[in-house]
Amino acid sequence: MRATIQQLKGWQSSVTRTSMVFIGALSLSMFTILYLLFMIEQYYRVAPSLRVLVYFFLWLAVLTLYSFHTLYLLTHEQNVLAQHEHGMRKVLFQTVESLVAQLEAHDPYIGGHERRVAHLARAIGEVLGLAEERIDGLVLAATVHDVGKIQVPGEILNKTEPLTEREFEIIKSHAGAGSEILGSIEFPTPVARIVQQHHERVDGSGYGEGLSGESILLEAKILTVADVVEAMAHERPYRPALGIDKALADISEKKGTLYDPEVVDACVMLFTEKGFTFDEEKESEPAG
């Protein structure tokens, strides 16, 4: 990822150098022609009206050449930027796939959970009208939101009995650990911050940084709701599935206290009016 960005910066520097060389050569050519015209005028005594006409067409030619050069650079820049953007998206998705594979090897439950959460998070983001770039970042974050659990012992993750206080503290550390892992990757959106905040609550009762209200990213609020709904609707190591109706009732009851009202409304609407199901789970690769 960093290499791709460095290549893009290198190309931009190359374009700048090329432009400077072109402008320098164009300027030198212009002054050379002007000098030659001046010498010809002195030698042949060219009429003033003809001199003005020659100078006008000279400047017109220079302006035309510069305009065509600028248009070429802009078109070429758009094409190369599009290619680099596609390459960066591919690298990002490959990085995410690698992280998910490591998670699944550590805890097979996490992989399916994260893909379903990413599917629901994308749908909520679309309902709320988030821009494509923000939805891509949200999906990336959702796909690896539990990456920090790779540092949690498997016997704790898969424990069927109630967790001890010490074990719960270890579990709670996964949001910060995930943020640290993802912080080393240069994402175009705040993926690490979204992961860091996905256990925060609107009233400040969550964990991570103790954030509340507007200090929590909207993407993190969406991820929170998607995470809770998926977890309640599916089986966990310590309990059977509670079902989607129970999950929707729970987030609706806690709307405005634990969960963002607009996010909850969008989520409930997806299931009750749009016919959303986790069975329609799609690939979590960003669009484009």
Protein backbone atom coordinates (compact mmCIF):
# COMPACT_ATOMS: atom_id res chain seq x y z
CA MET A 1 0.00 0.00 0.00
CA ARG A 2 2.75 2.45 0.95
CA ALA A 3 4.67 1.40 -2.17
CA THR A 4 1.65 2.17 -4.35
CA ILE A 5 1.29 5.64 -2.85
CA GLN A 6 5.01 6.28 -3.33
CA GLN A 7 4.66 5.27 -7.00
CA LEU A 8 1.79 7.76 -7.37
CA LYS A 9 3.83 10.53 -5.76
CA GLY A 10 6.78 9.64 -8.02
CA TRP A 11 4.57 9.88 -11.08
CA GLN A 12 3.23 13.26 -9.98
CA SER A 13 6.83 14.51 -9.56
CA SER A 14 7.64 13.19 -13.02
CA VAL A 15 4.68 15.07 -14.51
CA THR A 16 5.80 18.25 -12.76
CA ARG A 17 9.35 17.87 -14.14
CA THR A 18 8.01 17.17 -17.64
CA SER A 19 5.83 20.27 -17.49
CA MET A 20 8.73 22.43 -16.35
CA VAL A 21 10.95 21.11 -19.14
CA PHE A 22 8.21 21.74 -21.70
CA ILE A 23 7.55 25.28 -20.48
CA GLY A 24 11.29 26.00 -20.43
CA ALA A 25 11.76 24.68 -23.97
CA LEU A 26 8.68 26.57 -25.15
CA SER A 27 9.94 29.81 -23.61
CA LEU A 28 13.41 29.37 -25.11
CA SER A 29 11.92 28.67 -28.53
CA MET A 30 9.66 31.71 -28.26
CA PHE A 31 12.48 34.08 -27.35
CA THR A 32 14.67 32.59 -30.09
CA ILE A 33 11.97 33.20 -32.68
CA LEU A 34 11.40 36.73 -31.36
CA TYR A 35 15.12 37.43 -31.61
CA LEU A 36 15.25 36.12 -35.18
CA LEU A 37 12.21 38.20 -36.09
CA PHE A 38 13.86 41.26 -34.58
CA MET A 39 17.05 40.66 -36.62
CA ILE A 40 15.02 40.11 -39.81
CA GLU A 41 13.08 43.30 -39.13
CA GLN A 42 16.30 45.25 -38.65
CA TYR A 43 17.83 43.83 -41.83
CA TYR A 44 14.84 43.92 -44.15
CA ARG A 45 12.97 46.84 -42.58
CA VAL A 46 9.67 44.98 -42.21
CA ALA A 47 6.55 47.18 -42.16
CA PRO A 48 5.11 47.79 -38.62
CA SER A 49 1.71 46.36 -39.57
CA LEU A 50 3.27 43.12 -40.79
CA ARG A 51 5.42 42.97 -37.65
CA VAL A 52 2.33 43.16 -35.41
CA LEU A 53 0.62 40.42 -37.43
CA VAL A 54 3.64 38.11 -37.19
CA TYR A 55 3.91 38.67 -33.44
CA PHE A 56 0.19 38.00 -32.99
CA PHE A 57 0.34 34.67 -34.82
CA LEU A 58 3.49 33.74 -32.90
CA TRP A 59 1.78 34.29 -29.56
CA LEU A 60 -1.32 32.45 -30.82
CA ALA A 61 0.83 29.46 -31.80
CA VAL A 62 2.55 29.45 -28.40
CA LEU A 63 -0.79 29.66 -26.57
CA THR A 64 -2.23 26.83 -28.67
CA LEU A 65 0.77 24.59 -28.03
CA TYR A 66 0.61 25.25 -24.30
CA SER A 67 -3.15 24.57 -24.22
CA PHE A 68 -2.75 21.24 -26.01
CA HIS A 69 0.08 20.27 -23.67
CA THR A 70 -2.02 21.13 -20.60
CA LEU A 71 -4.99 19.15 -21.96
CA TYR A 72 -2.72 16.16 -22.61
CA LEU A 73 -1.32 16.28 -19.09
CA LEU A 74 -4.78 16.51 -17.51
CA THR A 75 -6.12 13.58 -19.55
CA HIS A 76 -3.04 11.48 -18.86
CA GLU A 77 -3.21 12.35 -15.16
CA GLN A 78 -6.86 11.25 -14.92
CA ASN A 79 -6.07 7.91 -16.58
CA VAL A 80 -3.06 7.20 -14.40
CA LEU A 81 -4.86 8.25 -11.22
CA ALA A 82 -7.73 5.90 -12.11
CA GLN A 83 -5.27 3.04 -12.61
CA HIS A 84 -3.53 3.78 -9.32
CA GLU A 85 -6.85 4.05 -7.48
CA HIS A 86 -7.86 0.62 -8.81
CA GLY A 87 -4.47 -0.74 -7.78
CA MET A 88 -4.78 0.71 -4.27
CA ARG A 89 -8.27 -0.75 -3.89
CA LYS A 90 -6.92 -4.15 -4.93
CA VAL A 91 -4.02 -3.93 -2.48
CA LEU A 92 -6.38 -2.85 0.31
CA PHE A 93 -8.74 -5.75 -0.33
CA GLN A 94 -5.86 -8.23 -0.48
CA THR A 95 -4.59 -6.86 2.83
CA VAL A 96 -8.04 -7.24 4.37
CA GLU A 97 -8.36 -10.79 3.01
CA SER A 98 -5.01 -11.67 4.57
CA LEU A 99 -6.11 -10.31 7.95
CA VAL A 100 -9.43 -12.18 7.76
CA ALA A 101 -7.62 -15.42 6.91
CA GLN A 102 -5.41 -15.02 10.00
CA LEU A 103 -8.49 -14.33 12.13
CA GLU A 104 -10.34 -17.38 10.84
CA ALA A 105 -7.34 -19.56 11.61
CA HIS A 106 -7.40 -18.21 15.17
CA ASP A 107 -11.19 -18.31 15.60
CA PRO A 108 -13.35 -19.78 12.76
CA TYR A 109 -16.44 -17.97 14.12
CA ILE A 110 -14.99 -14.49 13.50
CA GLY A 111 -14.71 -14.73 9.71
CA GLY A 112 -18.40 -15.38 9.01
CA HIS A 113 -19.38 -12.87 11.67
CA GLU A 114 -17.30 -10.08 10.16
CA ARG A 115 -18.51 -10.70 6.61
CA ARG A 116 -22.13 -10.58 7.74
CA VAL A 117 -21.50 -7.42 9.76
CA ALA A 118 -19.83 -5.82 6.71
CA HIS A 119 -22.83 -6.77 4.55
CA LEU A 120 -25.30 -5.14 6.98
CA ALA A 121 -23.05 -2.12 7.59
CA ARG A 122 -22.84 -1.44 3.84
CA ALA A 123 -26.64 -1.60 3.54
CA ILE A 124 -27.12 0.82 6.46
CA GLY A 125 -24.53 3.20 5.00
CA GLU A 126 -26.34 3.20 1.67
CA VAL A 127 -29.69 3.93 3.34
CA LEU A 128 -28.11 6.86 5.18
CA GLY A 129 -26.70 8.22 1.93
CA LEU A 130 -23.00 7.96 2.73
CA ALA A 131 -20.61 8.72 -0.11
CA GLU A 132 -19.08 5.72 -1.87
CA GLU A 133 -15.63 6.37 -0.40
CA ARG A 134 -17.04 6.42 3.16
CA ILE A 135 -19.00 3.22 2.52
CA ASP A 136 -15.83 1.55 1.24
CA GLY A 137 -14.02 2.57 4.42
CA LEU A 138 -16.92 1.36 6.54
CA VAL A 139 -16.93 -2.03 4.80
CA LEU A 140 -13.17 -2.39 5.21
CA ALA A 141 -13.45 -1.56 8.91
CA ALA A 142 -16.38 -3.95 9.39
CA THR A 143 -14.56 -6.77 7.63
CA VAL A 144 -11.68 -6.60 10.11
CA HIS A 145 -13.32 -4.93 13.14
CA ASP A 146 -12.38 -7.85 15.41
CA VAL A 147 -8.80 -8.17 14.15
CA GLY A 148 -7.56 -7.27 17.64
CA LYS A 149 -8.98 -10.57 18.92
CA ILE A 150 -6.03 -12.29 17.31
CA GLN A 151 -4.20 -11.29 20.50
CA VAL A 152 -6.89 -12.85 22.71
CA PRO A 153 -6.30 -16.49 23.72
CA GLY A 154 -8.59 -18.92 21.92
CA GLU A 155 -9.76 -20.49 25.17
CA ILE A 156 -11.23 -17.12 26.18
CA LEU A 157 -12.84 -16.44 22.80
CA ASN A 158 -14.52 -19.86 22.73
CA LYS A 159 -15.34 -20.14 26.42
CA THR A 160 -18.89 -21.37 27.02
CA GLU A 161 -19.05 -20.31 30.67
CA PRO A 162 -19.38 -16.70 31.86
CA LEU A 163 -16.16 -14.71 31.56
CA THR A 164 -14.28 -13.63 34.66
CA GLU A 165 -13.63 -9.92 35.18
CA ARG A 166 -10.03 -10.40 34.10
CA GLU A 167 -11.07 -12.30 30.96
CA PHE A 168 -13.59 -9.60 30.04
CA GLU A 169 -10.89 -6.94 30.36
CA ILE A 170 -8.77 -8.95 27.94
CA ILE A 171 -11.69 -9.15 25.50
CA LYS A 172 -12.27 -5.39 25.80
CA SER A 173 -8.70 -4.71 24.74
CA HIS A 174 -9.37 -6.02 21.22
CA ALA A 175 -10.73 -2.69 19.89
CA GLY A 176 -7.54 -0.82 20.78
CA ALA A 177 -5.35 -3.71 19.64
CA GLY A 178 -7.16 -3.80 16.30
CA SER A 179 -6.70 -0.06 15.88
CA GLU A 180 -2.96 -0.43 16.47
CA ILE A 181 -2.68 -3.23 13.91
CA LEU A 182 -4.64 -1.31 11.27
CA GLY A 183 -2.85 1.94 12.08
CA SER A 184 0.23 0.56 10.33
CA ILE A 185 -1.70 0.37 7.06
CA GLU A 186 -2.20 3.57 5.06
CA PHE A 187 -5.95 3.47 4.37
CA PRO A 188 -7.60 6.39 2.50
CA THR A 189 -10.36 6.48 5.17
CA PRO A 190 -10.15 6.36 9.01
CA VAL A 191 -10.48 2.55 9.19
CA ALA A 192 -8.36 2.26 12.34
CA ARG A 193 -10.43 4.90 14.16
CA ILE A 194 -13.69 3.20 13.17
CA VAL A 195 -12.42 -0.08 14.59
CA GLN A 196 -11.17 1.70 17.72
CA GLN A 197 -14.64 3.16 18.33
CA HIS A 198 -16.93 0.26 17.46
CA HIS A 199 -17.67 -0.52 21.12
CA GLU A 200 -18.37 3.08 22.10
CA ARG A 201 -21.95 4.00 22.97
CA VAL A 202 -23.89 7.22 22.37
CA ASP A 203 -24.34 7.86 26.12
CA GLY A 204 -20.65 7.26 26.83
CA SER A 205 -21.17 3.90 28.56
CA GLY A 206 -19.13 1.91 26.03
CA TYR A 207 -15.46 1.09 26.11
CA GLY A 208 -12.41 2.11 24.17
CA GLU A 209 -11.90 5.82 24.74
CA GLY A 210 -15.12 6.59 26.63
CA LEU A 211 -16.50 8.65 23.76
CA SER A 212 -20.11 9.77 23.43
CA GLY A 213 -22.48 11.56 21.05
CA GLU A 214 -20.98 13.40 18.10
CA SER A 215 -17.42 12.54 19.12
CA ILE A 216 -18.06 9.03 17.77
CA LEU A 217 -17.65 8.63 14.01
CA LEU A 218 -20.88 7.89 12.14
CA GLU A 219 -19.20 4.87 10.55
CA ALA A 220 -18.41 3.54 14.03
CA LYS A 221 -22.04 4.03 15.08
CA ILE A 222 -23.16 2.05 12.04
CA LEU A 223 -20.63 -0.69 12.73
CA THR A 224 -21.80 -0.87 16.35
CA VAL A 225 -25.42 -1.51 15.39
CA ALA A 226 -24.52 -3.99 12.65
CA ASP A 227 -22.22 -5.84 15.07
CA VAL A 228 -24.87 -6.07 17.81
CA VAL A 229 -27.65 -7.20 15.46
CA GLU A 230 -25.51 -9.88 13.80
CA ALA A 231 -24.22 -11.16 17.15
CA MET A 232 -27.71 -11.44 18.65
CA ALA A 233 -29.20 -13.02 15.53
CA HIS A 234 -26.57 -15.78 15.36
CA GLU A 235 -25.19 -18.41 17.67
CA ARG A 236 -22.31 -17.54 19.95
CA PRO A 237 -20.03 -19.96 21.83
CA TYR A 238 -21.78 -19.13 25.11
CA ARG A 239 -25.45 -19.06 23.93
CA PRO A 240 -27.81 -20.07 21.10
CA ALA A 241 -29.02 -17.57 18.50
CA LEU A 242 -31.59 -15.10 19.83
CA GLY A 243 -33.09 -14.31 16.42
CA ILE A 244 -33.42 -11.17 14.34
CA ASP A 245 -36.69 -10.05 15.96
CA LYS A 246 -35.09 -10.02 19.40
CA ALA A 247 -32.09 -8.14 18.00
CA LEU A 248 -34.22 -5.44 16.37
CA ALA A 249 -36.33 -5.06 19.51
CA ASP A 250 -33.17 -4.65 21.58
CA ILE A 251 -31.61 -1.90 19.47
CA SER A 252 -34.98 -0.13 19.19
CA GLU A 253 -35.37 -0.14 22.96
CA LYS A 254 -31.90 1.32 23.43
CA LYS A 255 -32.15 3.82 20.57
CA GLY A 256 -30.86 7.22 21.65
CA THR A 257 -29.08 5.86 24.72
CA LEU A 258 -26.67 3.21 23.47
CA TYR A 259 -27.26 3.47 19.74
CA ASP A 260 -27.64 6.32 17.26
CA PRO A 261 -31.36 6.84 16.43
CA GLU A 262 -30.88 7.36 12.68
CA VAL A 263 -28.70 4.28 12.41
CA VAL A 264 -31.20 2.16 14.35
CA ASP A 265 -34.11 3.38 12.21
CA ALA A 266 -32.18 2.58 9.02
CA CYS A 267 -31.30 -0.89 10.29
CA VAL A 268 -34.87 -1.71 11.37
CA MET A 269 -36.23 -0.42 8.06
CA LEU A 270 -33.87 -2.68 6.10
CA PHE A 271 -35.23 -5.80 7.79
CA THR A 272 -38.89 -4.83 8.13
CA GLU A 273 -39.45 -2.96 4.85
CA LYS A 274 -36.61 -3.80 2.45
CA GLY A 275 -36.50 -7.54 3.11
CA PHE A 276 -32.81 -7.53 4.06
CA THR A 277 -31.41 -10.90 5.15
CA PHE A 278 -27.94 -12.11 6.06
CA ASP A 279 -28.50 -14.94 3.55
CA GLU A 280 -27.91 -12.39 0.79
CA GLU A 281 -24.39 -11.82 2.09
CA LYS A 282 -22.14 -10.42 -0.63
CA GLU A 283 -18.43 -10.01 -1.04
CA SER A 284 -17.17 -7.22 1.17
CA GLU A 285 -14.82 -5.79 -1.47
CA PRO A 286 -15.30 -2.04 -1.89
CA ALA A 287 -17.26 -0.96 -4.92
CA GLY A 288 -15.45 0.17 -8.03
